[in-house]
Amino acid sequence: MKPPLNSGKQPVIAIFASGNGSNFDALIAAKLPMRVGCLICDQADAPVIQRAQGHHIPVQLVNPRDYDTKAEMEKAILAGLSARHVTAILLAGYMRIIGPTLLAAFPRRIVNIHPALLPSFPGRHGIEDAYRAGVTKTGVTIHFIDAGVDTGPVIAQQAVAVLPTDTVEQLANRIHSVEHTLYPQTIRQLIEEGVL
């Protein structure tokens, strides 16, 4: 039997986020067997920064306009992650595509949450796209990141019914509620299995 990758040590996780940070909060509140080494954020005014500071978690703010290429930006991120001995990355509403530099440094160790049942409705408007399509069921997907857009191997999914009376906001609220439970549960399982 193969020993776990983390050999019983708590993994050091970086959380990447661009916005409000409700999934960031859900991951912290779950008291998972991991240490959050830092928050990586690409938006200086994102509320998630205040959330991280409230938990005394270091923040690395990365402005894409400060770099000529995505590779240069990811090298700067990688330097910060290396300094904090980060072993895996959790994306929690990070609105940028992960490039080859980070993918090579963290193979199958970058996990994303998406507000739809992939492969249906990939991209940044998963909730709205499902709502407009008139489907009766959508949901939440946790998956590993690969070079595509929301195409990596699925780890966990949970369906959410689209009710005839739903507004897009009501549907979004129910999806977010599932996210806040499913994401921490899935990450706990991945850590306990030695995957992260």
N, C-alpha and C. Protein backbone atom coordinates (compact mmCIF):
# COMPACT_ATOMS: atom_id res chain seq x y z
N MET A 1 0.85 -1.20 0.00
CA MET A 1 0.00 0.00 0.00
C MET A 1 0.88 1.25 0.00
N LYS A 2 0.51 2.21 -0.87
CA LYS A 2 1.31 3.41 -1.01
C LYS A 2 1.13 4.31 0.21
N PRO A 3 2.21 4.85 0.80
CA PRO A 3 2.04 5.76 1.92
C PRO A 3 1.43 7.09 1.45
N PRO A 4 0.69 7.78 2.31
CA PRO A 4 0.13 9.08 1.92
C PRO A 4 1.25 10.04 1.52
N LEU A 5 0.93 10.92 0.56
CA LEU A 5 1.92 11.89 0.10
C LEU A 5 2.39 12.81 1.21
N ASN A 6 1.46 13.16 2.13
CA ASN A 6 1.86 14.11 3.17
C ASN A 6 2.43 13.43 4.41
N SER A 7 2.50 12.09 4.40
CA SER A 7 3.14 11.31 5.47
C SER A 7 2.69 11.72 6.87
N GLY A 8 1.43 12.04 7.02
CA GLY A 8 0.90 12.36 8.34
C GLY A 8 1.09 13.80 8.77
N LYS A 9 1.91 14.54 8.05
CA LYS A 9 2.10 15.96 8.38
C LYS A 9 0.93 16.77 7.86
N GLN A 10 0.56 17.81 8.61
CA GLN A 10 -0.51 18.68 8.12
C GLN A 10 -0.04 19.41 6.86
N PRO A 11 -0.82 19.35 5.79
CA PRO A 11 -0.43 20.10 4.59
C PRO A 11 -0.52 21.60 4.83
N VAL A 12 0.32 22.34 4.13
CA VAL A 12 0.26 23.80 4.15
C VAL A 12 -0.43 24.23 2.85
N ILE A 13 -1.57 24.88 3.01
CA ILE A 13 -2.45 25.20 1.88
C ILE A 13 -2.40 26.70 1.60
N ALA A 14 -2.40 27.04 0.32
CA ALA A 14 -2.66 28.43 -0.09
C ALA A 14 -4.07 28.47 -0.66
N ILE A 15 -4.83 29.47 -0.27
CA ILE A 15 -6.16 29.67 -0.84
C ILE A 15 -6.08 30.85 -1.80
N PHE A 16 -6.56 30.66 -3.02
CA PHE A 16 -6.60 31.71 -4.03
C PHE A 16 -8.04 32.19 -4.14
N ALA A 17 -8.26 33.50 -4.06
CA ALA A 17 -9.61 34.04 -4.18
C ALA A 17 -9.55 35.44 -4.78
N SER A 18 -10.65 35.84 -5.43
CA SER A 18 -10.70 37.15 -6.08
C SER A 18 -11.82 38.03 -5.56
N GLY A 19 -12.72 37.49 -4.73
CA GLY A 19 -13.93 38.25 -4.42
C GLY A 19 -14.29 38.31 -2.97
N ASN A 20 -15.54 37.94 -2.68
CA ASN A 20 -16.11 38.10 -1.35
C ASN A 20 -15.46 37.20 -0.31
N GLY A 21 -15.21 35.95 -0.69
CA GLY A 21 -14.50 35.06 0.22
C GLY A 21 -15.39 34.20 1.10
N SER A 22 -16.63 33.93 0.68
CA SER A 22 -17.50 33.09 1.52
C SER A 22 -16.99 31.65 1.57
N ASN A 23 -16.43 31.14 0.47
CA ASN A 23 -15.85 29.80 0.50
C ASN A 23 -14.55 29.78 1.31
N PHE A 24 -13.80 30.86 1.25
CA PHE A 24 -12.62 31.00 2.10
C PHE A 24 -13.03 30.85 3.56
N ASP A 25 -14.06 31.59 3.96
CA ASP A 25 -14.55 31.52 5.35
C ASP A 25 -15.02 30.11 5.71
N ALA A 26 -15.72 29.46 4.77
CA ALA A 26 -16.23 28.11 5.04
C ALA A 26 -15.07 27.14 5.27
N LEU A 27 -14.01 27.27 4.50
CA LEU A 27 -12.84 26.40 4.67
C LEU A 27 -12.16 26.65 6.01
N ILE A 28 -12.06 27.91 6.41
CA ILE A 28 -11.42 28.24 7.70
C ILE A 28 -12.30 27.75 8.85
N ALA A 29 -13.61 28.01 8.75
CA ALA A 29 -14.53 27.65 9.84
C ALA A 29 -14.60 26.15 10.08
N ALA A 30 -14.28 25.35 9.04
CA ALA A 30 -14.39 23.89 9.16
C ALA A 30 -13.26 23.30 10.00
N LYS A 31 -12.26 24.11 10.35
CA LYS A 31 -11.13 23.63 11.18
C LYS A 31 -10.54 22.34 10.61
N LEU A 32 -10.18 22.41 9.36
CA LEU A 32 -9.64 21.24 8.65
C LEU A 32 -8.22 20.93 9.14
N PRO A 33 -7.77 19.68 8.97
CA PRO A 33 -6.42 19.31 9.41
C PRO A 33 -5.36 19.82 8.43
N MET A 34 -5.28 21.13 8.33
CA MET A 34 -4.32 21.78 7.42
C MET A 34 -3.95 23.13 8.01
N ARG A 35 -2.85 23.67 7.53
CA ARG A 35 -2.48 25.04 7.91
C ARG A 35 -2.61 25.92 6.67
N VAL A 36 -3.32 27.03 6.80
CA VAL A 36 -3.45 27.95 5.68
C VAL A 36 -2.24 28.89 5.71
N GLY A 37 -1.34 28.68 4.74
CA GLY A 37 -0.11 29.46 4.72
C GLY A 37 -0.30 30.88 4.24
N CYS A 38 -1.26 31.07 3.32
CA CYS A 38 -1.49 32.43 2.81
C CYS A 38 -2.74 32.46 1.93
N LEU A 39 -3.20 33.67 1.71
CA LEU A 39 -4.22 33.96 0.71
C LEU A 39 -3.51 34.63 -0.46
N ILE A 40 -3.79 34.15 -1.66
CA ILE A 40 -3.33 34.83 -2.89
C ILE A 40 -4.56 35.51 -3.48
N CYS A 41 -4.44 36.81 -3.72
CA CYS A 41 -5.59 37.57 -4.24
C CYS A 41 -5.11 38.50 -5.36
N ASP A 42 -5.92 38.62 -6.40
CA ASP A 42 -5.55 39.46 -7.55
C ASP A 42 -6.38 40.75 -7.61
N GLN A 43 -7.17 41.03 -6.57
CA GLN A 43 -8.01 42.23 -6.54
C GLN A 43 -7.79 42.97 -5.22
N ALA A 44 -7.24 44.17 -5.31
CA ALA A 44 -6.86 44.92 -4.11
C ALA A 44 -8.05 45.27 -3.22
N ASP A 45 -9.26 45.37 -3.81
CA ASP A 45 -10.43 45.76 -3.02
C ASP A 45 -11.33 44.57 -2.67
N ALA A 46 -10.84 43.35 -2.85
CA ALA A 46 -11.67 42.17 -2.59
C ALA A 46 -11.91 42.00 -1.09
N PRO A 47 -13.17 41.81 -0.67
CA PRO A 47 -13.48 41.62 0.75
C PRO A 47 -12.76 40.43 1.39
N VAL A 48 -12.37 39.44 0.57
CA VAL A 48 -11.68 38.26 1.13
C VAL A 48 -10.38 38.67 1.84
N ILE A 49 -9.79 39.78 1.44
CA ILE A 49 -8.54 40.23 2.09
C ILE A 49 -8.80 40.54 3.56
N GLN A 50 -9.91 41.24 3.84
CA GLN A 50 -10.25 41.54 5.24
C GLN A 50 -10.54 40.26 6.01
N ARG A 51 -11.19 39.31 5.35
CA ARG A 51 -11.47 38.03 6.01
C ARG A 51 -10.16 37.36 6.41
N ALA A 52 -9.20 37.33 5.51
CA ALA A 52 -7.90 36.70 5.80
C ALA A 52 -7.20 37.43 6.94
N GLN A 53 -7.20 38.75 6.88
CA GLN A 53 -6.54 39.53 7.93
C GLN A 53 -7.20 39.28 9.29
N GLY A 54 -8.52 39.09 9.29
CA GLY A 54 -9.23 38.79 10.53
C GLY A 54 -8.81 37.46 11.14
N HIS A 55 -8.31 36.56 10.30
CA HIS A 55 -7.82 35.26 10.78
C HIS A 55 -6.30 35.25 10.92
N HIS A 56 -5.66 36.41 10.73
CA HIS A 56 -4.19 36.54 10.82
C HIS A 56 -3.49 35.65 9.80
N ILE A 57 -4.09 35.55 8.61
CA ILE A 57 -3.50 34.78 7.52
C ILE A 57 -2.79 35.76 6.57
N PRO A 58 -1.52 35.52 6.26
CA PRO A 58 -0.79 36.43 5.36
C PRO A 58 -1.47 36.53 3.99
N VAL A 59 -1.42 37.70 3.42
CA VAL A 59 -2.03 37.95 2.11
C VAL A 59 -0.94 38.35 1.12
N GLN A 60 -0.91 37.68 -0.02
CA GLN A 60 -0.04 38.09 -1.12
C GLN A 60 -0.95 38.65 -2.21
N LEU A 61 -0.89 39.96 -2.39
CA LEU A 61 -1.70 40.63 -3.41
C LEU A 61 -0.89 40.66 -4.70
N VAL A 62 -1.48 40.14 -5.77
CA VAL A 62 -0.77 40.06 -7.05
C VAL A 62 -1.61 40.79 -8.09
N ASN A 63 -1.08 41.90 -8.59
CA ASN A 63 -1.78 42.68 -9.61
C ASN A 63 -1.28 42.25 -10.98
N PRO A 64 -2.13 41.63 -11.79
CA PRO A 64 -1.69 41.15 -13.11
C PRO A 64 -1.08 42.25 -13.98
N ARG A 65 -1.50 43.50 -13.76
CA ARG A 65 -0.97 44.60 -14.58
C ARG A 65 0.49 44.91 -14.26
N ASP A 66 0.99 44.36 -13.16
CA ASP A 66 2.40 44.58 -12.81
C ASP A 66 3.35 43.65 -13.56
N TYR A 67 2.80 42.74 -14.35
CA TYR A 67 3.63 41.73 -15.02
C TYR A 67 3.35 41.72 -16.51
N ASP A 68 4.39 41.46 -17.29
CA ASP A 68 4.23 41.42 -18.75
C ASP A 68 3.53 40.16 -19.22
N THR A 69 3.71 39.07 -18.48
CA THR A 69 3.12 37.79 -18.89
C THR A 69 2.53 37.06 -17.69
N LYS A 70 1.64 36.13 -17.98
CA LYS A 70 1.07 35.27 -16.93
C LYS A 70 2.19 34.47 -16.25
N ALA A 71 3.16 34.01 -17.03
CA ALA A 71 4.26 33.22 -16.47
C ALA A 71 5.04 34.03 -15.43
N GLU A 72 5.29 35.31 -15.72
CA GLU A 72 6.00 36.16 -14.75
C GLU A 72 5.19 36.32 -13.47
N MET A 73 3.89 36.53 -13.62
CA MET A 73 3.03 36.67 -12.45
C MET A 73 3.03 35.38 -11.63
N GLU A 74 2.94 34.25 -12.32
CA GLU A 74 2.90 32.98 -11.59
C GLU A 74 4.25 32.66 -10.94
N LYS A 75 5.35 33.12 -11.53
CA LYS A 75 6.65 32.94 -10.89
C LYS A 75 6.71 33.73 -9.58
N ALA A 76 6.12 34.94 -9.59
CA ALA A 76 6.08 35.75 -8.36
C ALA A 76 5.21 35.07 -7.30
N ILE A 77 4.08 34.51 -7.73
CA ILE A 77 3.21 33.77 -6.80
C ILE A 77 3.97 32.57 -6.25
N LEU A 78 4.64 31.85 -7.13
CA LEU A 78 5.37 30.64 -6.75
C LEU A 78 6.46 30.94 -5.73
N ALA A 79 7.12 32.07 -5.88
CA ALA A 79 8.15 32.46 -4.91
C ALA A 79 7.54 32.63 -3.52
N GLY A 80 6.37 33.26 -3.47
CA GLY A 80 5.68 33.43 -2.19
C GLY A 80 5.23 32.11 -1.60
N LEU A 81 4.74 31.22 -2.45
CA LEU A 81 4.28 29.91 -1.97
C LEU A 81 5.46 29.08 -1.46
N SER A 82 6.56 29.14 -2.18
CA SER A 82 7.76 28.39 -1.76
C SER A 82 8.27 28.88 -0.42
N ALA A 83 8.28 30.20 -0.23
CA ALA A 83 8.76 30.76 1.03
C ALA A 83 7.91 30.31 2.21
N ARG A 84 6.62 30.03 1.93
CA ARG A 84 5.72 29.60 3.01
C ARG A 84 5.55 28.07 3.03
N HIS A 85 6.32 27.35 2.23
CA HIS A 85 6.31 25.88 2.20
C HIS A 85 4.93 25.31 1.87
N VAL A 86 4.22 25.99 0.96
CA VAL A 86 2.88 25.56 0.55
C VAL A 86 2.98 24.25 -0.23
N THR A 87 2.09 23.30 0.10
CA THR A 87 2.11 21.99 -0.55
C THR A 87 0.90 21.76 -1.47
N ALA A 88 -0.13 22.58 -1.37
CA ALA A 88 -1.31 22.43 -2.23
C ALA A 88 -2.05 23.76 -2.30
N ILE A 89 -2.89 23.89 -3.32
CA ILE A 89 -3.63 25.13 -3.57
C ILE A 89 -5.12 24.83 -3.66
N LEU A 90 -5.92 25.65 -2.98
CA LEU A 90 -7.38 25.57 -3.09
C LEU A 90 -7.87 26.87 -3.73
N LEU A 91 -8.59 26.75 -4.82
CA LEU A 91 -9.18 27.91 -5.47
C LEU A 91 -10.58 28.12 -4.90
N ALA A 92 -10.85 29.35 -4.47
CA ALA A 92 -12.13 29.66 -3.85
C ALA A 92 -12.66 30.96 -4.46
N GLY A 93 -13.13 30.85 -5.70
CA GLY A 93 -13.59 32.05 -6.39
C GLY A 93 -12.44 32.85 -6.95
N TYR A 94 -11.40 32.16 -7.41
CA TYR A 94 -10.27 32.83 -8.06
C TYR A 94 -10.60 32.92 -9.54
N MET A 95 -10.67 34.14 -10.06
CA MET A 95 -11.24 34.34 -11.39
C MET A 95 -10.19 34.41 -12.50
N ARG A 96 -9.08 33.70 -12.32
CA ARG A 96 -8.05 33.63 -13.36
C ARG A 96 -7.75 32.18 -13.68
N ILE A 97 -7.42 31.93 -14.93
CA ILE A 97 -7.05 30.58 -15.35
C ILE A 97 -5.62 30.31 -14.86
N ILE A 98 -5.45 29.18 -14.22
CA ILE A 98 -4.11 28.78 -13.75
C ILE A 98 -3.27 28.36 -14.95
N GLY A 99 -2.05 28.91 -15.02
CA GLY A 99 -1.18 28.65 -16.16
C GLY A 99 -0.17 27.53 -15.91
N PRO A 100 0.66 27.26 -16.92
CA PRO A 100 1.60 26.13 -16.87
C PRO A 100 2.60 26.21 -15.72
N THR A 101 2.98 27.42 -15.32
CA THR A 101 3.99 27.56 -14.25
C THR A 101 3.49 26.95 -12.95
N LEU A 102 2.29 27.31 -12.53
CA LEU A 102 1.72 26.77 -11.29
C LEU A 102 1.30 25.31 -11.46
N LEU A 103 0.77 24.98 -12.63
CA LEU A 103 0.36 23.59 -12.87
C LEU A 103 1.55 22.63 -12.75
N ALA A 104 2.70 23.05 -13.27
CA ALA A 104 3.89 22.20 -13.21
C ALA A 104 4.40 22.07 -11.78
N ALA A 105 4.28 23.13 -11.00
CA ALA A 105 4.78 23.12 -9.62
C ALA A 105 3.86 22.35 -8.67
N PHE A 106 2.56 22.27 -9.01
CA PHE A 106 1.59 21.61 -8.13
C PHE A 106 0.74 20.62 -8.93
N PRO A 107 1.37 19.58 -9.50
CA PRO A 107 0.58 18.64 -10.30
C PRO A 107 -0.44 17.89 -9.45
N ARG A 108 -1.69 17.98 -9.89
CA ARG A 108 -2.82 17.32 -9.19
C ARG A 108 -2.90 17.73 -7.72
N ARG A 109 -2.45 18.93 -7.43
CA ARG A 109 -2.52 19.46 -6.07
C ARG A 109 -3.13 20.85 -6.06
N ILE A 110 -3.92 21.14 -7.11
CA ILE A 110 -4.69 22.39 -7.17
C ILE A 110 -6.15 21.98 -7.34
N VAL A 111 -6.98 22.39 -6.38
CA VAL A 111 -8.39 21.99 -6.36
C VAL A 111 -9.26 23.23 -6.54
N ASN A 112 -10.32 23.08 -7.32
CA ASN A 112 -11.23 24.19 -7.60
C ASN A 112 -12.65 23.80 -7.24
N ILE A 113 -13.46 24.82 -6.95
CA ILE A 113 -14.89 24.63 -6.76
C ILE A 113 -15.61 25.40 -7.86
N HIS A 114 -16.63 24.76 -8.45
CA HIS A 114 -17.37 25.38 -9.56
C HIS A 114 -18.87 25.25 -9.31
N PRO A 115 -19.64 26.34 -9.53
CA PRO A 115 -21.07 26.33 -9.20
C PRO A 115 -21.95 25.79 -10.32
N ALA A 116 -21.64 24.59 -10.78
CA ALA A 116 -22.48 23.88 -11.76
C ALA A 116 -22.02 22.43 -11.77
N LEU A 117 -22.80 21.58 -12.42
CA LEU A 117 -22.43 20.16 -12.54
C LEU A 117 -21.60 19.99 -13.81
N LEU A 118 -20.30 20.14 -13.67
CA LEU A 118 -19.42 19.97 -14.83
C LEU A 118 -19.58 18.56 -15.39
N PRO A 119 -19.46 18.38 -16.71
CA PRO A 119 -18.95 19.34 -17.69
C PRO A 119 -19.96 20.38 -18.17
N SER A 120 -21.18 20.38 -17.66
CA SER A 120 -22.15 21.40 -18.06
C SER A 120 -21.80 22.75 -17.44
N PHE A 121 -21.95 23.80 -18.20
CA PHE A 121 -21.84 25.20 -17.76
C PHE A 121 -20.49 25.54 -17.12
N PRO A 122 -19.39 25.31 -17.85
CA PRO A 122 -18.09 25.77 -17.36
C PRO A 122 -17.98 27.29 -17.50
N GLY A 123 -16.88 27.84 -16.97
CA GLY A 123 -16.65 29.28 -17.11
C GLY A 123 -17.17 30.07 -15.93
N ARG A 124 -17.02 31.39 -16.02
CA ARG A 124 -17.25 32.22 -14.84
C ARG A 124 -18.72 32.50 -14.55
N HIS A 125 -19.65 32.11 -15.44
CA HIS A 125 -21.07 32.41 -15.21
C HIS A 125 -21.88 31.12 -15.11
N GLY A 126 -21.35 30.13 -14.40
CA GLY A 126 -22.00 28.82 -14.32
C GLY A 126 -23.43 28.86 -13.81
N ILE A 127 -23.69 29.67 -12.78
CA ILE A 127 -25.04 29.74 -12.21
C ILE A 127 -26.00 30.38 -13.20
N GLU A 128 -25.60 31.54 -13.74
CA GLU A 128 -26.47 32.26 -14.67
C GLU A 128 -26.72 31.45 -15.94
N ASP A 129 -25.66 30.78 -16.43
CA ASP A 129 -25.81 30.00 -17.66
C ASP A 129 -26.80 28.84 -17.46
N ALA A 130 -26.71 28.17 -16.31
CA ALA A 130 -27.64 27.07 -16.02
C ALA A 130 -29.06 27.61 -15.89
N TYR A 131 -29.21 28.73 -15.23
CA TYR A 131 -30.54 29.34 -15.03
C TYR A 131 -31.16 29.71 -16.38
N ARG A 132 -30.38 30.35 -17.23
CA ARG A 132 -30.90 30.77 -18.55
C ARG A 132 -31.20 29.58 -19.45
N ALA A 133 -30.47 28.49 -19.26
CA ALA A 133 -30.69 27.30 -20.10
C ALA A 133 -31.99 26.58 -19.74
N GLY A 134 -32.57 26.91 -18.58
CA GLY A 134 -33.84 26.31 -18.20
C GLY A 134 -33.74 24.88 -17.70
N VAL A 135 -32.56 24.48 -17.23
CA VAL A 135 -32.41 23.12 -16.70
C VAL A 135 -33.16 22.99 -15.38
N THR A 136 -33.53 21.77 -15.03
CA THR A 136 -34.23 21.54 -13.76
C THR A 136 -33.26 21.16 -12.64
N LYS A 137 -32.00 20.96 -13.01
CA LYS A 137 -31.01 20.55 -12.02
C LYS A 137 -29.65 21.13 -12.38
N THR A 138 -28.98 21.72 -11.40
CA THR A 138 -27.59 22.15 -11.56
C THR A 138 -26.87 21.70 -10.29
N GLY A 139 -25.85 22.40 -9.85
CA GLY A 139 -25.21 21.96 -8.62
C GLY A 139 -23.83 22.51 -8.43
N VAL A 140 -22.99 21.73 -7.75
CA VAL A 140 -21.64 22.15 -7.38
C VAL A 140 -20.67 21.02 -7.74
N THR A 141 -19.52 21.39 -8.27
CA THR A 141 -18.47 20.43 -8.60
C THR A 141 -17.16 20.83 -7.92
N ILE A 142 -16.49 19.86 -7.31
CA ILE A 142 -15.13 20.04 -6.83
C ILE A 142 -14.24 19.23 -7.78
N HIS A 143 -13.20 19.86 -8.31
CA HIS A 143 -12.37 19.14 -9.28
C HIS A 143 -10.91 19.60 -9.21
N PHE A 144 -10.03 18.72 -9.69
CA PHE A 144 -8.63 19.10 -9.86
C PHE A 144 -8.52 20.03 -11.06
N ILE A 145 -7.55 20.92 -11.00
CA ILE A 145 -7.30 21.84 -12.11
C ILE A 145 -6.36 21.18 -13.12
N ASP A 146 -6.67 21.39 -14.41
CA ASP A 146 -5.73 21.05 -15.46
C ASP A 146 -5.59 22.26 -16.38
N ALA A 147 -5.04 22.07 -17.56
CA ALA A 147 -4.76 23.22 -18.43
C ALA A 147 -6.01 23.81 -19.08
N GLY A 148 -7.14 23.13 -19.00
CA GLY A 148 -8.37 23.64 -19.61
C GLY A 148 -9.15 24.53 -18.66
N VAL A 149 -10.32 24.98 -19.11
CA VAL A 149 -11.22 25.79 -18.28
C VAL A 149 -12.28 24.86 -17.69
N ASP A 150 -12.15 24.57 -16.40
CA ASP A 150 -13.10 23.70 -15.69
C ASP A 150 -13.20 22.32 -16.32
N THR A 151 -12.06 21.79 -16.76
CA THR A 151 -12.06 20.49 -17.43
C THR A 151 -11.34 19.40 -16.63
N GLY A 152 -10.76 19.73 -15.48
CA GLY A 152 -9.97 18.76 -14.73
C GLY A 152 -10.82 17.66 -14.12
N PRO A 153 -10.18 16.58 -13.66
CA PRO A 153 -10.91 15.43 -13.12
C PRO A 153 -11.80 15.81 -11.94
N VAL A 154 -13.05 15.32 -11.99
CA VAL A 154 -14.04 15.62 -10.94
C VAL A 154 -13.72 14.80 -9.69
N ILE A 155 -13.77 15.46 -8.54
CA ILE A 155 -13.57 14.79 -7.25
C ILE A 155 -14.91 14.52 -6.57
N ALA A 156 -15.80 15.51 -6.57
CA ALA A 156 -17.11 15.38 -5.91
C ALA A 156 -18.11 16.31 -6.59
N GLN A 157 -19.37 15.90 -6.57
CA GLN A 157 -20.45 16.73 -7.10
C GLN A 157 -21.68 16.58 -6.22
N GLN A 158 -22.47 17.63 -6.16
CA GLN A 158 -23.76 17.56 -5.47
C GLN A 158 -24.77 18.36 -6.27
N ALA A 159 -25.91 17.75 -6.53
CA ALA A 159 -26.94 18.39 -7.35
C ALA A 159 -27.75 19.40 -6.52
N VAL A 160 -28.24 20.41 -7.21
CA VAL A 160 -29.15 21.40 -6.63
C VAL A 160 -30.30 21.57 -7.62
N ALA A 161 -31.52 21.38 -7.15
CA ALA A 161 -32.69 21.53 -8.02
C ALA A 161 -32.89 23.00 -8.39
N VAL A 162 -33.30 23.21 -9.63
CA VAL A 162 -33.71 24.55 -10.07
C VAL A 162 -35.22 24.58 -10.02
N LEU A 163 -35.78 25.36 -9.10
CA LEU A 163 -37.23 25.38 -8.90
C LEU A 163 -37.90 26.31 -9.90
N PRO A 164 -39.13 26.01 -10.31
CA PRO A 164 -39.83 26.86 -11.29
C PRO A 164 -39.97 28.30 -10.82
N THR A 165 -40.01 28.49 -9.49
CA THR A 165 -40.21 29.85 -8.95
C THR A 165 -38.90 30.58 -8.68
N ASP A 166 -37.76 29.92 -8.94
CA ASP A 166 -36.47 30.52 -8.60
C ASP A 166 -36.18 31.80 -9.37
N THR A 167 -35.61 32.78 -8.67
CA THR A 167 -34.86 33.84 -9.34
C THR A 167 -33.42 33.35 -9.40
N VAL A 168 -32.60 34.00 -10.19
CA VAL A 168 -31.20 33.60 -10.27
C VAL A 168 -30.52 33.79 -8.90
N GLU A 169 -30.96 34.81 -8.16
CA GLU A 169 -30.37 35.06 -6.83
C GLU A 169 -30.73 33.95 -5.85
N GLN A 170 -31.99 33.49 -5.90
CA GLN A 170 -32.40 32.39 -5.00
C GLN A 170 -31.63 31.11 -5.31
N LEU A 171 -31.47 30.83 -6.61
CA LEU A 171 -30.70 29.66 -7.02
C LEU A 171 -29.25 29.79 -6.55
N ALA A 172 -28.68 30.97 -6.74
CA ALA A 172 -27.29 31.21 -6.34
C ALA A 172 -27.12 30.98 -4.84
N ASN A 173 -28.07 31.45 -4.04
CA ASN A 173 -27.98 31.29 -2.58
C ASN A 173 -27.98 29.82 -2.19
N ARG A 174 -28.81 29.00 -2.85
CA ARG A 174 -28.86 27.57 -2.53
C ARG A 174 -27.58 26.87 -2.98
N ILE A 175 -27.05 27.28 -4.12
CA ILE A 175 -25.79 26.70 -4.61
C ILE A 175 -24.65 27.05 -3.64
N HIS A 176 -24.60 28.30 -3.21
CA HIS A 176 -23.53 28.72 -2.30
C HIS A 176 -23.63 27.96 -0.97
N SER A 177 -24.84 27.71 -0.52
CA SER A 177 -25.04 26.96 0.72
C SER A 177 -24.45 25.55 0.59
N VAL A 178 -24.66 24.91 -0.56
CA VAL A 178 -24.09 23.58 -0.81
C VAL A 178 -22.56 23.68 -0.88
N GLU A 179 -22.06 24.70 -1.56
CA GLU A 179 -20.60 24.89 -1.67
C GLU A 179 -19.95 24.92 -0.30
N HIS A 180 -20.56 25.66 0.62
CA HIS A 180 -19.95 25.89 1.93
C HIS A 180 -19.89 24.63 2.79
N THR A 181 -20.66 23.62 2.41
CA THR A 181 -20.60 22.32 3.09
C THR A 181 -19.74 21.33 2.31
N LEU A 182 -19.98 21.25 0.99
CA LEU A 182 -19.31 20.24 0.17
C LEU A 182 -17.81 20.48 0.05
N TYR A 183 -17.40 21.73 -0.09
CA TYR A 183 -15.97 22.01 -0.28
C TYR A 183 -15.15 21.58 0.94
N PRO A 184 -15.50 22.04 2.16
CA PRO A 184 -14.72 21.59 3.32
C PRO A 184 -14.75 20.07 3.51
N GLN A 185 -15.92 19.45 3.30
CA GLN A 185 -16.02 17.98 3.44
C GLN A 185 -15.07 17.27 2.49
N THR A 186 -15.04 17.75 1.25
CA THR A 186 -14.21 17.11 0.22
C THR A 186 -12.73 17.31 0.52
N ILE A 187 -12.36 18.52 0.95
CA ILE A 187 -10.95 18.79 1.26
C ILE A 187 -10.51 17.95 2.47
N ARG A 188 -11.39 17.83 3.46
CA ARG A 188 -11.05 16.98 4.62
C ARG A 188 -10.76 15.54 4.16
N GLN A 189 -11.61 15.04 3.28
CA GLN A 189 -11.43 13.66 2.78
C GLN A 189 -10.11 13.53 2.02
N LEU A 190 -9.79 14.52 1.17
CA LEU A 190 -8.55 14.47 0.40
C LEU A 190 -7.33 14.49 1.31
N ILE A 191 -7.40 15.27 2.40
CA ILE A 191 -6.28 15.34 3.34
C ILE A 191 -6.16 14.01 4.09
N GLU A 192 -7.30 13.51 4.54
CA GLU A 192 -7.27 12.25 5.32
C GLU A 192 -6.79 11.08 4.46
N GLU A 193 -7.06 11.14 3.16
CA GLU A 193 -6.60 10.07 2.25
C GLU A 193 -5.16 10.29 1.79
N GLY A 194 -4.55 11.40 2.21
CA GLY A 194 -3.17 11.68 1.84
C GLY A 194 -2.99 12.21 0.44
N VAL A 195 -4.09 12.65 -0.19
CA VAL A 195 -4.01 13.18 -1.55
C VAL A 195 -3.44 14.60 -1.53
N LEU A 196 -3.80 15.37 -0.51
CA LEU A 196 -3.28 16.75 -0.38
C LEU A 196 -2.29 16.82 0.78
